[in-house]
Protein backbone atom coordinates (compact mmCIF):
# COMPACT_ATOMS: atom_id res chain seq x y z
CA UNK A 1 0.00 0.00 0.00
CA UNK A 2 1.26 3.50 -0.84
CA UNK A 3 0.34 4.80 2.61
CA UNK A 4 2.60 2.25 4.32
CA UNK A 5 6.28 3.11 4.82
CA UNK A 6 8.72 1.10 2.72
CA UNK A 7 10.38 -1.69 4.65
CA UNK A 8 13.38 -3.82 3.73
CA UNK A 9 13.05 -7.53 4.43
CA UNK A 10 15.78 -10.14 4.60
CA UNK A 11 14.63 -13.19 2.65
CA UNK A 12 16.35 -16.55 2.31
CA UNK A 13 15.09 -19.28 -0.03
CA UNK A 14 16.52 -22.79 -0.35
CA UNK A 15 15.63 -24.81 -3.42
CA UNK A 16 16.41 -28.30 -4.59
CA UNK A 17 15.62 -29.81 -7.98
CA UNK A 18 13.31 -26.93 -8.96
CA UNK A 19 11.38 -27.01 -5.68
CA UNK A 20 11.49 -24.39 -2.91
CA UNK A 21 12.38 -26.50 0.11
CA UNK A 22 12.58 -23.83 2.84
CA UNK A 23 11.95 -20.10 3.26
CA UNK A 24 12.66 -17.48 5.92
CA UNK A 25 11.67 -13.83 5.90
CA UNK A 26 12.23 -11.08 8.48
CA UNK A 27 8.74 -9.60 7.86
CA UNK A 28 7.30 -11.94 10.51
CA UNK A 29 4.09 -12.67 8.58
CA UNK A 30 2.74 -16.04 9.67
CA UNK A 31 0.65 -17.94 7.13
CA UNK A 32 0.56 -21.30 5.41
CA UNK A 33 1.24 -19.53 2.11
CA UNK A 34 4.46 -17.70 1.21
CA UNK A 35 4.59 -13.98 2.08
CA UNK A 36 4.79 -11.39 -0.71
CA UNK A 37 8.53 -10.94 -0.16
CA UNK A 38 9.32 -14.62 -0.71
CA UNK A 39 7.14 -14.60 -3.85
CA UNK A 40 8.91 -11.44 -5.08
CA UNK A 41 12.37 -12.94 -4.59
CA UNK A 42 11.28 -16.19 -6.28
CA UNK A 43 10.02 -14.26 -9.31
CA UNK A 44 13.20 -12.19 -9.40
CA UNK A 45 15.31 -15.37 -9.37
CA UNK A 46 13.16 -16.88 -12.18
CA UNK A 47 13.09 -13.77 -14.37
CA UNK A 48 16.65 -12.51 -13.81
CA UNK A 49 18.78 -15.58 -13.13
CA UNK A 50 21.94 -13.76 -14.27
CA UNK A 51 21.49 -11.13 -11.54
CA UNK A 52 21.68 -13.77 -8.80
CA UNK A 53 25.29 -14.93 -8.55
CA UNK A 54 25.70 -18.69 -8.44
CA UNK A 55 28.26 -19.92 -5.90
CA UNK A 56 29.81 -23.30 -5.32
CA UNK A 57 28.68 -25.02 -2.10
CA UNK A 58 30.41 -23.31 0.84
CA UNK A 59 32.16 -26.59 1.76
CA UNK A 60 33.95 -26.50 -1.63
CA UNK A 61 35.04 -22.88 -1.07
CA UNK A 62 36.34 -23.66 2.44
CA UNK A 63 38.22 -26.66 1.08
CA UNK A 64 40.24 -24.32 -1.19
CA UNK A 65 41.37 -22.08 1.73
CA UNK A 66 44.59 -22.51 3.76
CA UNK A 67 44.68 -22.34 7.54
CA UNK A 68 45.23 -18.52 7.74
CA UNK A 69 42.39 -17.90 5.28
CA UNK A 70 40.08 -20.17 7.25
CA UNK A 71 40.92 -18.33 10.50
CA UNK A 72 40.37 -14.95 8.87
CA UNK A 73 37.06 -16.17 7.38
CA UNK A 74 35.74 -17.41 10.75
CA UNK A 75 36.86 -14.31 12.70
CA UNK A 76 35.34 -11.89 10.19
CA UNK A 77 32.09 -13.91 10.20
CA UNK A 78 31.95 -13.73 14.01
CA UNK A 79 32.79 -9.99 14.00
CA UNK A 80 30.01 -9.10 11.53
CA UNK A 81 27.39 -11.16 13.41
CA UNK A 82 28.99 -11.38 16.86
CA UNK A 83 25.78 -10.79 18.85
CA UNK A 84 23.97 -13.60 17.00
CA UNK A 85 26.69 -16.21 16.47
CA UNK A 86 29.30 -15.72 19.21
CA UNK A 87 27.66 -18.05 21.78
CA UNK A 88 27.19 -20.73 19.09
CA UNK A 89 30.77 -20.24 17.82
CA UNK A 90 32.22 -20.64 21.32
CA UNK A 91 30.11 -23.74 21.99
CA UNK A 92 31.16 -25.36 18.69
CA UNK A 93 34.83 -24.47 19.34
CA UNK A 94 34.69 -26.16 22.76
CA UNK A 95 33.10 -29.28 21.25
CA UNK A 96 35.62 -29.50 18.40
CA UNK A 97 38.53 -29.24 20.86
CA UNK A 98 37.03 -31.98 23.03
CA UNK A 99 38.05 -35.38 21.64
CA UNK A 100 35.09 -37.25 23.19
CA UNK A 101 32.40 -34.83 21.99
CA UNK A 102 29.55 -36.03 19.77
CA UNK A 103 30.56 -33.64 16.97
CA UNK A 104 33.93 -35.41 16.66
CA UNK A 105 32.29 -38.81 16.26
CA UNK A 106 30.71 -37.68 12.95
CA UNK A 107 32.82 -37.59 9.82
CA UNK A 108 32.69 -34.28 7.94
CA UNK A 109 30.27 -31.42 8.59
CA UNK A 110 26.85 -30.29 7.28
CA UNK A 111 26.60 -27.87 4.34
CA UNK A 112 23.20 -26.16 3.88
CA UNK A 113 24.33 -24.78 0.49
CA UNK A 114 25.19 -28.16 -1.04
CA UNK A 115 21.63 -29.41 -1.61
CA UNK A 116 20.23 -32.82 -0.82
CA UNK A 117 21.46 -36.18 -2.07
CA UNK A 118 19.83 -37.43 -5.27
CA UNK A 119 18.16 -40.22 -3.26
CA UNK A 120 16.76 -37.87 -0.62
CA UNK A 121 13.11 -36.88 -0.60
CA UNK A 122 12.60 -33.38 -1.92
CA UNK A 123 9.32 -31.53 -1.55
CA UNK A 124 7.96 -27.99 -1.50
CA UNK A 125 8.34 -26.08 1.73
CA UNK A 126 5.28 -26.24 3.94
CA UNK A 127 5.05 -24.47 7.28
CA UNK A 128 3.47 -27.33 9.23
CA UNK A 129 3.10 -25.32 12.44
CA UNK A 130 1.10 -22.63 10.63
CA UNK A 131 -1.22 -25.19 9.01
CA UNK A 132 -1.97 -26.66 12.44
CA UNK A 133 -2.47 -23.22 14.03
CA UNK A 134 -4.82 -22.00 11.30
CA UNK A 135 -6.99 -25.15 11.30
CA UNK A 136 -7.15 -25.03 15.11
CA UNK A 137 -8.20 -21.36 14.94
CA UNK A 138 -10.91 -21.95 12.31
CA UNK A 139 -12.32 -24.93 14.23
CA UNK A 140 -12.37 -22.97 17.50
CA UNK A 141 -14.54 -20.30 15.82
CA UNK A 142 -17.22 -22.96 15.29
CA UNK A 143 -18.39 -21.84 11.86
CA UNK A 144 -18.47 -18.13 12.65
CA UNK A 145 -16.54 -15.33 10.91
CA UNK A 146 -16.34 -17.34 7.67
CA UNK A 147 -14.20 -20.05 9.28
CA UNK A 148 -15.99 -22.78 7.29
CA UNK A 149 -15.12 -20.92 4.09
CA UNK A 150 -11.49 -20.67 5.21
CA UNK A 151 -11.34 -24.42 5.88
CA UNK A 152 -12.81 -25.08 2.43
CA UNK A 153 -10.04 -22.90 0.97
CA UNK A 154 -7.50 -25.12 2.74
CA UNK A 155 -9.21 -28.20 1.27
CA UNK A 156 -9.08 -26.53 -2.17
CA UNK A 157 -5.34 -26.02 -1.64
CA UNK A 158 -4.93 -29.75 -0.94
CA UNK A 159 -6.84 -30.53 -4.16
CA UNK A 160 -4.54 -28.18 -6.07
CA UNK A 161 -1.48 -29.92 -4.59
CA UNK A 162 -2.83 -33.34 -5.57
CA UNK A 163 -3.48 -32.07 -9.09
CA UNK A 164 0.16 -30.91 -9.31
CA UNK A 165 1.34 -34.25 -7.82
CA UNK A 166 2.90 -32.31 -4.94
CA UNK A 167 3.69 -34.71 -2.09
CA UNK A 168 2.72 -31.94 0.36
CA UNK A 169 -0.95 -32.66 -0.42
CA UNK A 170 -0.94 -35.76 1.81
CA UNK A 171 1.24 -34.01 4.44
CA UNK A 172 -1.10 -31.03 4.60
CA UNK A 173 -4.21 -33.22 4.79
CA UNK A 174 -2.60 -35.24 7.60
CA UNK A 175 -2.02 -32.02 9.58
CA UNK A 176 -5.62 -30.86 8.95
CA UNK A 177 -7.04 -34.26 9.97
CA UNK A 178 -5.00 -34.30 13.20
CA UNK A 179 -6.49 -30.94 14.18
CA UNK A 180 -10.00 -32.15 13.34
CA UNK A 181 -9.46 -35.23 15.51
CA UNK A 182 -8.14 -33.01 18.35
CA UNK A 183 -11.24 -30.76 18.28
CA UNK A 184 -12.56 -30.77 21.90
CA UNK A 185 -16.17 -30.57 20.66
CA UNK A 186 -15.96 -34.17 19.38
CA UNK A 187 -15.68 -35.66 22.88
CA UNK A 188 -18.33 -33.22 24.14
CA UNK A 189 -20.84 -34.28 21.47
CA UNK A 190 -19.94 -37.93 22.10
CA UNK A 191 -20.64 -37.60 25.84
CA UNK A 192 -23.88 -35.69 25.33
CA UNK A 193 -25.09 -37.96 22.50
CA UNK A 194 -25.82 -34.93 20.30
CA UNK A 195 -25.25 -34.64 16.57
CA UNK A 196 -22.74 -32.30 14.99
CA UNK A 197 -24.03 -29.49 12.81
CA UNK A 198 -24.65 -30.03 9.07
CA UNK A 199 -21.89 -27.53 8.15
CA UNK A 200 -19.39 -29.35 10.33
CA UNK A 201 -20.44 -32.71 8.89
CA UNK A 202 -19.88 -31.39 5.36
CA UNK A 203 -16.31 -30.48 6.35
CA UNK A 204 -15.77 -34.05 7.59
CA UNK A 205 -17.23 -35.34 4.30
CA UNK A 206 -14.72 -33.24 2.37
CA UNK A 207 -11.94 -34.60 4.57
CA UNK A 208 -12.99 -38.16 3.73
CA UNK A 209 -13.30 -37.39 0.01
CA UNK A 210 -9.77 -35.96 -0.08
CA UNK A 211 -8.33 -39.02 1.69
CA UNK A 212 -10.05 -41.15 -0.94
CA UNK A 213 -8.29 -39.12 -3.67
CA UNK A 214 -4.95 -39.64 -1.93
CA UNK A 215 -5.17 -43.40 -1.32
CA UNK A 216 -6.49 -44.02 -4.87
CA UNK A 217 -3.70 -41.97 -6.45
CA UNK A 218 -2.05 -44.32 -9.01
CA UNK A 219 1.25 -42.37 -8.85
CA UNK A 220 2.02 -42.95 -5.14
CA UNK A 221 4.36 -45.65 -3.86
CA UNK A 222 3.22 -48.79 -2.04
CA UNK A 223 5.08 -47.84 1.17
CA UNK A 224 3.19 -44.50 1.21
CA UNK A 225 -0.14 -46.33 0.95
CA UNK A 226 0.85 -48.66 3.79
CA UNK A 227 1.80 -45.63 5.92
CA UNK A 228 -1.51 -43.85 5.21
CA UNK A 229 -3.51 -47.00 5.92
CA UNK A 230 -1.81 -47.31 9.32
CA UNK A 231 -2.58 -43.65 10.06
CA UNK A 232 -6.23 -43.93 8.95
CA UNK A 233 -6.71 -47.07 11.09
CA UNK A 234 -5.21 -45.23 14.07
CA UNK A 235 -7.67 -42.31 13.67
CA UNK A 236 -10.58 -44.68 13.06
CA UNK A 237 -9.77 -46.52 16.29
CA UNK A 238 -10.11 -43.37 18.41
CA UNK A 239 -13.31 -43.04 20.46
CA UNK A 240 -14.01 -39.49 19.28
CA UNK A 241 -13.77 -40.36 15.57
CA UNK A 242 -17.22 -39.54 14.10
CA UNK A 243 -19.20 -42.33 12.50
CA UNK A 244 -19.96 -41.85 8.84
CA UNK A 245 -23.69 -42.41 9.36
CA UNK A 246 -23.72 -40.01 12.32
CA UNK A 247 -25.40 -42.41 14.75
CA UNK A 248 -23.67 -43.40 17.99
CA UNK A 249 -26.01 -46.14 19.16
CA UNK A 250 -28.55 -44.28 21.31
CA UNK A 251 -28.48 -41.12 19.18
CA UNK A 252 -31.89 -40.31 17.69
CA UNK A 253 -31.95 -38.79 14.21
CA UNK A 254 -33.27 -35.26 13.81
CA UNK A 255 -35.94 -35.89 11.17
CA UNK A 256 -36.76 -32.18 10.84
CA UNK A 257 -33.45 -31.70 9.02
CA UNK A 258 -34.07 -34.54 6.56
CA UNK A 259 -34.16 -34.16 2.79
CA UNK A 260 -34.94 -32.42 0.50
CA UNK A 261 -33.14 -29.33 1.78
CA UNK A 262 -30.06 -31.41 2.59
CA UNK A 263 -29.88 -32.62 -0.99
CA UNK A 264 -29.36 -29.08 -2.23
CA UNK A 265 -26.76 -28.12 0.38
CA UNK A 266 -23.83 -28.07 -2.04
CA UNK A 267 -25.68 -26.92 -5.22
CA UNK A 268 -41.98 -44.95 -12.51
CA UNK A 269 -20.82 -25.03 -5.81
CA UNK A 270 -21.93 -26.91 -8.81
CA UNK A 271 -23.44 -23.76 -10.31
CA UNK A 272 -19.98 -22.23 -10.70
CA UNK A 273 -18.95 -25.04 -13.06
CA UNK A 274 -21.64 -24.38 -15.69
CA UNK A 275 -19.28 -22.39 -17.90
CA UNK A 276 -16.86 -25.30 -18.24
CA UNK A 277 -16.63 -26.95 -21.63
CA UNK A 278 -16.00 -30.67 -21.68
CA UNK A 279 -13.90 -31.91 -24.58
CA UNK A 280 -12.56 -35.25 -25.78
CA UNK A 281 -8.85 -35.34 -24.89
CA UNK A 282 -7.19 -38.46 -26.32
CA UNK A 283 -5.94 -40.94 -23.72
CA UNK A 284 -2.30 -41.99 -24.03
CA UNK A 285 -3.14 -45.69 -24.03
CA UNK A 286 -6.36 -46.38 -25.92
CA UNK A 287 -8.46 -49.27 -24.72
CA UNK A 288 -10.64 -49.04 -27.81
CA UNK A 289 -10.77 -46.90 -30.92
CA UNK A 290 -11.97 -43.35 -30.21
CA UNK A 291 -11.81 -43.47 -26.40
CA UNK A 292 -10.80 -40.33 -24.53
CA UNK A 293 -10.49 -39.16 -20.92
CA UNK A 294 -14.06 -37.84 -21.20
CA UNK A 295 -15.53 -41.18 -22.34
CA UNK A 296 -13.63 -42.97 -19.57
CA UNK A 297 -14.81 -40.44 -16.95
CA UNK A 298 -18.45 -40.75 -18.10
CA UNK A 299 -18.26 -44.54 -18.13
CA UNK A 300 -16.79 -44.69 -14.62
CA UNK A 301 -19.53 -42.30 -13.39
CA UNK A 302 -22.26 -44.54 -14.90
CA UNK A 303 -20.70 -47.68 -13.41
CA UNK A 304 -20.53 -46.01 -9.99
CA UNK A 305 -24.11 -44.72 -10.10
CA UNK A 306 -25.41 -48.17 -11.13
CA UNK A 307 -23.64 -50.17 -8.40
CA UNK A 308 -25.93 -52.08 -6.05
CA UNK A 309 -25.38 -50.88 -2.48
CA UNK A 310 -27.25 -51.44 0.77
CA UNK A 311 -28.92 -48.44 2.39
CA UNK A 312 -26.67 -47.31 5.29
CA UNK A 313 -27.94 -47.08 8.88
CA UNK A 314 -27.96 -43.43 9.92
CA UNK A 315 -30.04 -40.47 8.75
CA UNK A 316 -27.05 -38.41 7.68
CA UNK A 317 -25.48 -41.25 5.68
CA UNK A 318 -28.82 -41.82 3.91
CA UNK A 319 -29.06 -38.12 3.03
CA UNK A 320 -25.48 -38.32 1.79
CA UNK A 321 -26.35 -41.21 -0.56
CA UNK A 322 -29.03 -39.05 -2.21
CA UNK A 323 -26.91 -35.90 -2.21
CA UNK A 324 -23.84 -37.56 -3.76
CA UNK A 325 -25.94 -39.24 -6.46
CA UNK A 326 -27.66 -35.96 -7.36
CA UNK A 327 -24.34 -34.07 -7.47
CA UNK A 328 -22.75 -36.62 -9.80
CA UNK A 329 -25.79 -36.62 -12.12
CA UNK A 330 -25.72 -32.81 -12.09
CA UNK A 331 -22.10 -32.92 -13.30
CA UNK A 332 -23.02 -35.42 -16.03
CA UNK A 333 -25.86 -33.20 -17.21
CA UNK A 334 -23.34 -30.48 -18.06
CA UNK A 335 -21.91 -32.74 -20.79
CA UNK A 336 -23.45 -32.66 -24.23
CA UNK A 337 -23.98 -36.22 -25.45
CA UNK A 338 -22.44 -36.98 -28.84
CA UNK A 339 -22.50 -40.30 -30.73
CA UNK A 340 -19.43 -41.62 -28.87
CA UNK A 341 -20.99 -40.93 -25.44
CA UNK A 342 -24.40 -42.32 -26.49
CA UNK A 343 -22.62 -45.63 -27.28
CA UNK A 344 -21.19 -45.59 -23.74
CA UNK A 345 -24.69 -44.99 -22.30
CA UNK A 346 -26.15 -47.85 -24.34
CA UNK A 347 -23.36 -50.24 -23.40
CA UNK A 348 -23.60 -49.44 -19.68
CA UNK A 349 -27.42 -49.63 -19.62
CA UNK A 350 -27.29 -53.13 -21.14
CA UNK A 351 -24.51 -54.20 -18.75
CA UNK A 352 -26.48 -52.96 -15.74
CA UNK A 353 -29.71 -54.67 -16.85
CA UNK A 354 -27.92 -57.96 -17.46
CA UNK A 355 -25.48 -57.60 -14.56
CA UNK A 356 -25.39 -59.85 -11.55
CA UNK A 357 -25.33 -58.86 -7.86
CA UNK A 358 -23.03 -55.86 -8.47
CA UNK A 359 -25.74 -54.03 -10.44
CA UNK A 360 -28.53 -51.98 -8.87
CA UNK A 361 -30.53 -52.51 -12.08
CA UNK A 362 -29.98 -56.28 -12.15
CA UNK A 363 -32.91 -58.67 -12.23
CA UNK A 364 -32.50 -59.70 -8.59
CA UNK A 365 -31.51 -57.20 -5.90
CA UNK A 366 -31.40 -57.12 -2.09
CA UNK A 367 -34.57 -55.91 -0.36
CA UNK A 368 -32.68 -52.98 1.18
CA UNK A 369 -30.76 -52.06 -1.96
CA UNK A 370 -30.59 -48.27 -2.56
CA UNK A 371 -33.22 -47.48 -5.25
CA UNK A 372 -32.12 -46.39 -8.73
CA UNK A 373 -35.02 -43.99 -9.47
CA UNK A 374 -33.00 -40.77 -9.90
CA UNK A 375 -30.25 -42.47 -11.90
CA UNK A 376 -32.80 -44.30 -14.09
CA UNK A 377 -34.64 -41.02 -14.80
CA UNK A 378 -31.35 -39.54 -16.05
CA UNK A 379 -30.60 -42.66 -18.14
CA UNK A 380 -34.17 -42.64 -19.53
CA UNK A 381 -34.08 -39.00 -20.70
CA UNK A 382 -30.55 -39.46 -22.12
CA UNK A 383 -31.33 -42.68 -24.03
CA UNK A 384 -34.90 -41.87 -25.16
CA UNK A 385 -34.00 -39.98 -28.39
CA UNK A 386 -31.49 -42.67 -29.40
CA UNK A 387 -32.90 -46.01 -28.14
CA UNK A 388 -36.43 -45.74 -26.77
CA UNK A 389 -36.78 -49.50 -26.15
CA UNK A 390 -33.65 -49.59 -23.95
CA UNK A 391 -34.70 -46.35 -22.20
CA UNK A 392 -38.08 -47.80 -21.14
CA UNK A 393 -36.56 -51.17 -20.21
CA UNK A 394 -34.10 -49.41 -17.86
CA UNK A 395 -36.68 -47.08 -16.29
CA UNK A 396 -39.27 -49.84 -15.77
CA UNK A 397 -36.68 -52.08 -14.09
CA UNK A 398 -35.73 -49.22 -11.74
CA UNK A 399 -39.33 -48.50 -10.65
CA UNK A 400 -39.27 -51.19 -7.93
CA UNK A 401 -39.02 -50.27 -4.25
CA UNK A 402 -38.55 -53.65 -2.60
CA UNK A 403 -38.31 -52.35 0.95
CA UNK A 404 -42.03 -51.56 0.77
CA UNK A 405 -43.03 -54.85 -0.84
CA UNK A 406 -45.22 -56.96 1.45
CA UNK A 407 -43.60 -60.24 2.42
CA UNK A 408 -46.93 -62.04 1.92
CA UNK A 409 -48.89 -60.41 -0.95
CA UNK A 410 -52.51 -61.40 -1.42
CA UNK A 411 -55.15 -60.84 -4.09
CA UNK A 412 -55.24 -61.66 -7.79
CA UNK A 413 -51.62 -61.74 -8.93
CA UNK A 414 -52.68 -61.63 -12.60
CA UNK A 415 -53.81 -58.02 -12.03
CA UNK A 416 -50.68 -56.20 -10.76
CA UNK A 417 -52.54 -53.20 -9.34
CA UNK A 418 -54.26 -55.45 -6.79
CA UNK A 419 -50.91 -55.96 -5.04
CA UNK A 420 -50.84 -52.25 -4.19
CA UNK A 421 -53.97 -52.68 -2.09
CA UNK A 422 -51.99 -54.76 0.41
CA UNK A 423 -50.76 -52.61 3.30
CA UNK A 424 -46.94 -52.58 2.80
CA UNK A 425 -44.38 -52.70 5.59
CA UNK A 426 -43.15 -49.11 6.19
CA UNK A 427 -39.50 -49.65 6.97
CA UNK A 428 -38.65 -47.36 9.94
CA UNK A 429 -34.87 -47.40 9.40
CA UNK A 430 -35.22 -45.68 5.99
CA UNK A 431 -35.34 -42.09 7.26
CA UNK A 432 -35.34 -40.66 3.71
CA UNK A 433 -38.17 -42.90 2.48
CA UNK A 434 -40.54 -40.00 1.67
CA UNK A 435 -37.85 -38.40 -0.50
CA UNK A 436 -37.17 -41.74 -2.23
CA UNK A 437 -40.90 -42.23 -2.94
CA UNK A 438 -41.09 -38.75 -4.48
CA UNK A 439 -38.13 -39.68 -6.74
CA UNK A 440 -39.98 -42.86 -7.74
CA UNK A 441 -43.04 -40.75 -8.56
CA UNK A 442 -40.92 -38.38 -10.71
CA UNK A 443 -39.55 -41.32 -12.70
CA UNK A 444 -43.08 -42.59 -13.35
CA UNK A 445 -44.29 -39.12 -14.36
CA UNK A 446 -41.35 -38.74 -16.78
CA UNK A 447 -42.27 -42.06 -18.44
CA UNK A 448 -45.97 -41.09 -18.68
CA UNK A 449 -45.05 -37.81 -20.38
CA UNK A 450 -42.76 -39.54 -22.88
CA UNK A 451 -45.29 -42.33 -23.62
CA UNK A 452 -48.11 -39.99 -24.68
CA UNK A 453 -49.70 -41.33 -27.86
CA UNK A 454 -48.19 -44.80 -27.47
CA UNK A 455 -50.92 -47.16 -26.19
CA UNK A 456 -48.63 -50.14 -25.55
CA UNK A 457 -46.06 -48.14 -23.56
CA UNK A 458 -48.73 -46.29 -21.55
CA UNK A 459 -50.30 -49.61 -20.47
CA UNK A 460 -46.85 -50.93 -19.46
CA UNK A 461 -46.08 -47.79 -17.43
CA UNK A 462 -49.53 -47.96 -15.78
CA UNK A 463 -48.92 -51.59 -14.72
CA UNK A 464 -45.53 -50.60 -13.30
CA UNK A 465 -47.08 -47.74 -11.28
CA UNK A 466 -49.81 -50.00 -9.91
CA UNK A 467 -47.31 -52.68 -8.97
CA UNK A 468 -44.51 -50.57 -7.48
CA UNK A 469 -45.92 -47.32 -6.03
CA UNK A 470 -47.42 -47.81 -2.56
CA UNK A 471 -48.16 -44.21 -1.56
CA UNK A 472 -51.75 -43.14 -2.26
CA UNK A 473 -50.75 -39.47 -2.41
CA UNK A 474 -48.17 -40.21 -5.11
CA UNK A 475 -50.62 -42.36 -7.11
CA UNK A 476 -53.08 -39.44 -6.95
CA UNK A 477 -50.35 -37.01 -8.09
CA UNK A 478 -49.61 -39.27 -11.07
CA UNK A 479 -53.34 -39.34 -11.90
CA UNK A 480 -53.24 -35.52 -11.99
CA UNK A 481 -50.04 -35.52 -14.07
CA UNK A 482 -51.56 -37.97 -16.57
CA UNK A 483 -54.67 -35.77 -16.90
CA UNK A 484 -52.58 -32.62 -17.49
CA UNK A 485 -50.41 -34.36 -20.10
CA UNK A 486 -53.48 -35.82 -21.83
CA UNK A 487 -55.25 -32.45 -22.11
CA UNK A 488 -52.49 -30.10 -23.22
CA UNK A 489 -53.84 -27.02 -25.03
CA UNK A 490 -51.99 -27.54 -28.32
CA UNK A 491 -53.35 -31.02 -29.12
CA UNK A 492 -56.39 -33.24 -28.94
CA UNK A 493 -56.91 -35.12 -25.65
CA UNK A 494 -55.03 -38.43 -25.47
CA UNK A 495 -57.76 -41.00 -24.72
CA UNK A 496 -55.34 -43.67 -23.42
CA UNK A 497 -53.73 -41.19 -21.03
CA UNK A 498 -57.16 -40.09 -19.81
CA UNK A 499 -57.94 -43.77 -19.08
CA UNK A 500 -54.62 -44.02 -17.21
CA UNK A 501 -55.56 -40.93 -15.20
CA UNK A 502 -59.00 -42.34 -14.40
CA UNK A 503 -57.70 -45.74 -13.36
CA UNK A 504 -55.00 -44.22 -11.12
CA UNK A 505 -57.54 -41.80 -9.64
CA UNK A 506 -59.92 -44.65 -8.84
CA UNK A 507 -57.11 -46.65 -7.26
């Protein structure tokens, strides 16, 4: 700032194999990032390398001096900095003159100007103490004064380090995690049996997501993975370590904070990314002709979304299942589907329909398997213009909600809608069941809209609704939807859809 008086700072930077390995500056600014003076000197060294004289390591220079020169060198050094170095110089002199001293048991002497050995680890300088202090400070503020935002900035810094393959990413995350584990509120909440706040939980989620990125990194060494696994097991074994599902035995879930508002907490951040353009970048090693990083990323996302998984125990973990699925689908929706990606969608839809126990769209699934309604709705709308038969097959398979199926159905099994008249077992452990049923209703409504004018498909969708939807309010909503779709202003009423509406309304 112009109003501030000009100050001169003494800056020292050590670097090794193109990495800054340590920094000191007399300005006294304490932060996890380099101060402006260190950055300025770094830029000066990069832009004007000829202005910074390159010296041999000091040990080489000393080696070339005779005894008189060495004595003169040491005495001048002590004279210039006598207040700082005289006590150290006297102590070292005493030790060197003592034959039994530790210093005389070591061959040679250290040289900070010589750089590290080629085998030594070299990594960017990170002020570990400052990382710990800052995280401790932000956690102590309990979400006030933008501390949550500051912690998210630290997480973003870890992501940036991982992207640059900087080994400090894991070091920094270890320091952050240690401070999270040392937070005194954890033991307090544990003793009182109370839940942590949603904001705080989201920070823990981000912590877990970053550790996943680190341990899945294909570029790290096996010994590093073993070390991290040991550390993660140690943290996991501590009493105060929060459970992923948020339930410590006797803890009762706070149902007032259930979905849908939780599902939008991080939005049968994302907004800032809308300007991104996704392009096909060729992969170095092609698995098949025409594959790119984009096709691989999309395929992995579809495989992940279609995996069969059992609904977790706690309220928060169940909300997280929905939230994570919706976030991933939201990212996929930013991508414009071309012919190459449509082939991926077709291939994965067929695999998931024909898949065994790993697939959530397989023919046989566990009663408590997480429903595929939201994912199937996305697959349906994506596939419909390209392969309507496959789109309907996928969506109809996903309509089921087995946790509400009666274990002993009665009535005429040849008429599927009679099964719905049986009072189903409302499963109390599924805290997000109302949200899941609304997703099931949305999938059915999407199919009804798309099937307008197609008698065969409308009858199939109707049968699926009558068989799989157990909520009378949702069946009534679908009756209203069918009526609206059938009587749109710009076309003649669709008689089949009106019949669908009537039959659902009567049910």
